[in-house]
Amino acid sequence: MLKILVVLMLLLIIASLASGLVFMIRDQGHGPRAVQALTVRVALSVGLFLILLLAYAAGLIAPHGL
């Protein structure tokens, strides 16, 4: 379940990044859509980071040695 959530979050981050690029090209820097898309990307990235921290603290994931 956790792996599916992480992969889904990563796909949403990539989609938000791509939409930000599209909005930057279409609006030529004169619109709030690109900023909103990139804000969503940052929020998703922070959310993913927090999910991974909580999963580590709960013992759901564990680091492995190199």
Protein backbone atom coordinates (compact mmCIF):
# COMPACT_ATOMS: atom_id res chain seq x y z
CA MET A 1 0.00 0.00 0.00
CA LEU A 2 2.80 2.41 0.88
CA LYS A 3 4.64 1.70 -2.37
CA ILE A 4 1.52 2.49 -4.38
CA LEU A 5 1.08 5.76 -2.48
CA VAL A 6 4.71 6.78 -3.08
CA VAL A 7 4.52 5.96 -6.79
CA LEU A 8 1.21 7.82 -7.11
CA MET A 9 2.66 10.87 -5.36
CA LEU A 10 5.71 10.81 -7.65
CA LEU A 11 3.48 10.62 -10.72
CA LEU A 12 1.42 13.56 -9.44
CA ILE A 13 4.60 15.55 -8.83
CA ILE A 14 5.80 14.88 -12.38
CA ALA A 15 2.38 15.77 -13.82
CA SER A 16 2.33 19.04 -11.87
CA LEU A 17 5.83 19.87 -13.06
CA ALA A 18 4.82 19.18 -16.66
CA SER A 19 1.68 21.31 -16.37
CA GLY A 20 3.77 24.14 -14.94
CA LEU A 21 6.03 23.93 -17.97
CA VAL A 22 3.06 23.96 -20.34
CA PHE A 23 1.55 26.97 -18.57
CA MET A 24 4.88 28.81 -18.67
CA ILE A 25 5.11 28.26 -22.43
CA ARG A 26 1.47 29.12 -23.18
CA ASP A 27 1.17 32.16 -20.90
CA GLN A 28 4.71 33.40 -21.63
CA GLY A 29 5.19 34.29 -17.98
CA HIS A 30 2.07 36.49 -17.78
CA GLY A 31 -0.30 34.45 -15.69
CA PRO A 32 -0.72 32.80 -12.32
CA ARG A 33 -1.32 29.26 -13.64
CA ALA A 34 2.37 28.33 -13.79
CA VAL A 35 2.96 29.57 -10.26
CA GLN A 36 -0.06 27.65 -9.01
CA ALA A 37 1.09 24.45 -10.72
CA LEU A 38 4.57 24.76 -9.26
CA THR A 39 3.11 25.53 -5.82
CA VAL A 40 1.12 22.31 -6.05
CA ARG A 41 4.33 20.48 -6.98
CA VAL A 42 6.15 21.83 -3.93
CA ALA A 43 3.22 20.94 -1.67
CA LEU A 44 3.13 17.39 -3.08
CA SER A 45 6.89 17.04 -2.59
CA VAL A 46 6.67 18.18 1.03
CA GLY A 47 3.74 15.82 1.57
CA LEU A 48 5.69 12.91 0.14
CA PHE A 49 8.66 13.74 2.34
CA LEU A 50 6.43 13.82 5.43
CA ILE A 51 4.80 10.51 4.47
CA LEU A 52 8.23 8.90 4.15
CA LEU A 53 9.34 10.34 7.50
CA LEU A 54 6.20 9.06 9.21
CA ALA A 55 6.55 5.65 7.59
CA TYR A 56 10.14 5.43 8.81
CA ALA A 57 9.15 6.50 12.33
CA ALA A 58 6.35 3.92 12.37
CA GLY A 59 8.73 1.19 11.22
CA LEU A 60 6.96 0.60 7.91
CA ILE A 61 10.16 1.24 5.97
CA ALA A 62 13.74 0.65 7.04
CA PRO A 63 17.05 1.72 5.54
CA HIS A 64 19.38 -0.94 4.27
CA GLY A 65 23.15 -0.88 4.29
CA LEU A 66 25.22 -0.17 1.24
